[in-house]
Amino acid sequence: MHDFTSQIYEVLKEMCRYADGMSVDYNVLKKRILAKGFTEEELVDTIDNYLRMNVIMREDTMLTLIDH
């Protein structure tokens, strides 16, 4: 079983694939993540991890997948 970081990233990646510009609004993502039983803290940790790895980019509330 994957850890929460990998699971949350898969949700983010899937949402970005079907969005214009490979971007998703944080608040939309947060609703989806919370509905799946994760916490906002887990979401923030995941985003921070992938920002440090330069896999995603954040501009205001938009998250963009840059390494796909």
C-alpha atoms as a PDB file:
ATOM      1  CA  MET A   1       0.000   0.000   0.000  1.00  0.00           C
ATOM      2  CA  HIS A   2       1.215   3.480  -0.839  1.00  0.00           C
ATOM      3  CA  ASP A   3       1.796   6.121   1.782  1.00  0.00           C
ATOM      4  CA  PHE A   4      -0.507   9.140   1.902  1.00  0.00           C
ATOM      5  CA  THR A   5       1.977  11.280  -0.044  1.00  0.00           C
ATOM      6  CA  SER A   6       1.911   8.959  -3.031  1.00  0.00           C
ATOM      7  CA  GLN A   7      -1.860   8.554  -2.883  1.00  0.00           C
ATOM      8  CA  ILE A   8      -2.483  12.305  -2.707  1.00  0.00           C
ATOM      9  CA  TYR A   9      -0.015  12.933  -5.524  1.00  0.00           C
ATOM     10  CA  GLU A  10      -1.862  10.417  -7.716  1.00  0.00           C
ATOM     11  CA  VAL A  11      -5.117  12.347  -7.144  1.00  0.00           C
ATOM     12  CA  LEU A  12      -3.358  15.637  -7.978  1.00  0.00           C
ATOM     13  CA  LYS A  13      -1.795  14.141 -11.095  1.00  0.00           C
ATOM     14  CA  GLU A  14      -5.102  12.703 -12.274  1.00  0.00           C
ATOM     15  CA  MET A  15      -6.908  16.011 -11.760  1.00  0.00           C
ATOM     16  CA  CYS A  16      -4.182  17.940 -13.610  1.00  0.00           C
ATOM     17  CA  ARG A  17      -4.290  15.562 -16.574  1.00  0.00           C
ATOM     18  CA  TYR A  18      -7.908  16.493 -17.226  1.00  0.00           C
ATOM     19  CA  ALA A  19      -7.521  20.222 -16.601  1.00  0.00           C
ATOM     20  CA  ASP A  20      -6.519  23.059 -18.876  1.00  0.00           C
ATOM     21  CA  GLY A  21      -2.841  23.836 -18.531  1.00  0.00           C
ATOM     22  CA  MET A  22      -2.202  20.827 -16.286  1.00  0.00           C
ATOM     23  CA  SER A  23      -3.329  22.980 -13.334  1.00  0.00           C
ATOM     24  CA  VAL A  24      -5.800  22.543 -10.510  1.00  0.00           C
ATOM     25  CA  ASP A  25      -7.055  24.992  -7.902  1.00  0.00           C
ATOM     26  CA  TYR A  26      -5.900  24.133  -4.373  1.00  0.00           C
ATOM     27  CA  ASN A  27      -9.406  24.481  -2.954  1.00  0.00           C
ATOM     28  CA  VAL A  28     -10.874  22.060  -5.508  1.00  0.00           C
ATOM     29  CA  LEU A  29      -8.066  19.600  -4.797  1.00  0.00           C
ATOM     30  CA  LYS A  30      -8.545  20.012  -1.049  1.00  0.00           C
ATOM     31  CA  LYS A  31     -12.231  19.104  -1.296  1.00  0.00           C
ATOM     32  CA  ARG A  32     -11.385  15.960  -3.248  1.00  0.00           C
ATOM     33  CA  ILE A  33      -8.600  14.970  -0.839  1.00  0.00           C
ATOM     34  CA  LEU A  34     -10.727  15.515   2.274  1.00  0.00           C
ATOM     35  CA  ALA A  35     -13.556  13.509   0.684  1.00  0.00           C
ATOM     36  CA  LYS A  36     -11.114  10.625   0.258  1.00  0.00           C
ATOM     37  CA  GLY A  37     -10.371  10.646   4.001  1.00  0.00           C
ATOM     38  CA  PHE A  38      -7.041  12.459   4.047  1.00  0.00           C
ATOM     39  CA  THR A  39      -6.343  15.520   6.200  1.00  0.00           C
ATOM     40  CA  GLU A  40      -5.437  19.013   5.041  1.00  0.00           C
ATOM     41  CA  GLU A  41      -2.129  18.625   6.882  1.00  0.00           C
ATOM     42  CA  GLU A  42      -1.341  15.543   4.770  1.00  0.00           C
ATOM     43  CA  LEU A  43      -2.240  17.508   1.643  1.00  0.00           C
ATOM     44  CA  VAL A  44       0.015  20.419   2.635  1.00  0.00           C
ATOM     45  CA  ASP A  45       2.891  18.015   3.428  1.00  0.00           C
ATOM     46  CA  THR A  46       2.458  16.341   0.055  1.00  0.00           C
ATOM     47  CA  ILE A  47       2.414  19.644  -1.823  1.00  0.00           C
ATOM     48  CA  ASP A  48       5.502  20.857   0.045  1.00  0.00           C
ATOM     49  CA  ASN A  49       7.363  17.620  -0.778  1.00  0.00           C
ATOM     50  CA  TYR A  50       6.567  17.810  -4.483  1.00  0.00           C
ATOM     51  CA  LEU A  51       7.347  21.538  -4.644  1.00  0.00           C
ATOM     52  CA  ARG A  52      10.815  20.788  -3.227  1.00  0.00           C
ATOM     53  CA  MET A  53      11.306  18.097  -5.883  1.00  0.00           C
ATOM     54  CA  ASN A  54      10.262  20.563  -8.627  1.00  0.00           C
ATOM     55  CA  VAL A  55       7.465  18.271  -9.767  1.00  0.00           C
ATOM     56  CA  ILE A  56       4.724  20.831  -9.217  1.00  0.00           C
ATOM     57  CA  MET A  57       4.615  24.606  -9.213  1.00  0.00           C
ATOM     58  CA  ARG A  58       2.352  26.810  -7.097  1.00  0.00           C
ATOM     59  CA  GLU A  59       1.091  30.233  -8.131  1.00  0.00           C
ATOM     60  CA  ASP A  60      -1.450  31.701  -5.731  1.00  0.00           C
ATOM     61  CA  THR A  61      -4.003  28.892  -5.309  1.00  0.00           C
ATOM     62  CA  MET A  62      -3.147  27.114  -8.563  1.00  0.00           C
ATOM     63  CA  LEU A  63      -0.997  23.987  -8.591  1.00  0.00           C
ATOM     64  CA  THR A  64       0.565  23.018 -11.902  1.00  0.00           C
ATOM     65  CA  LEU A  65       2.128  19.677 -12.734  1.00  0.00           C
ATOM     66  CA  ILE A  66       5.478  20.425 -14.398  1.00  0.00           C
ATOM     67  CA  ASP A  67       7.071  16.973 -14.388  1.00  0.00           C
ATOM     68  CA  HIS A  68       4.732  14.650 -16.202  1.00  0.00           C
END
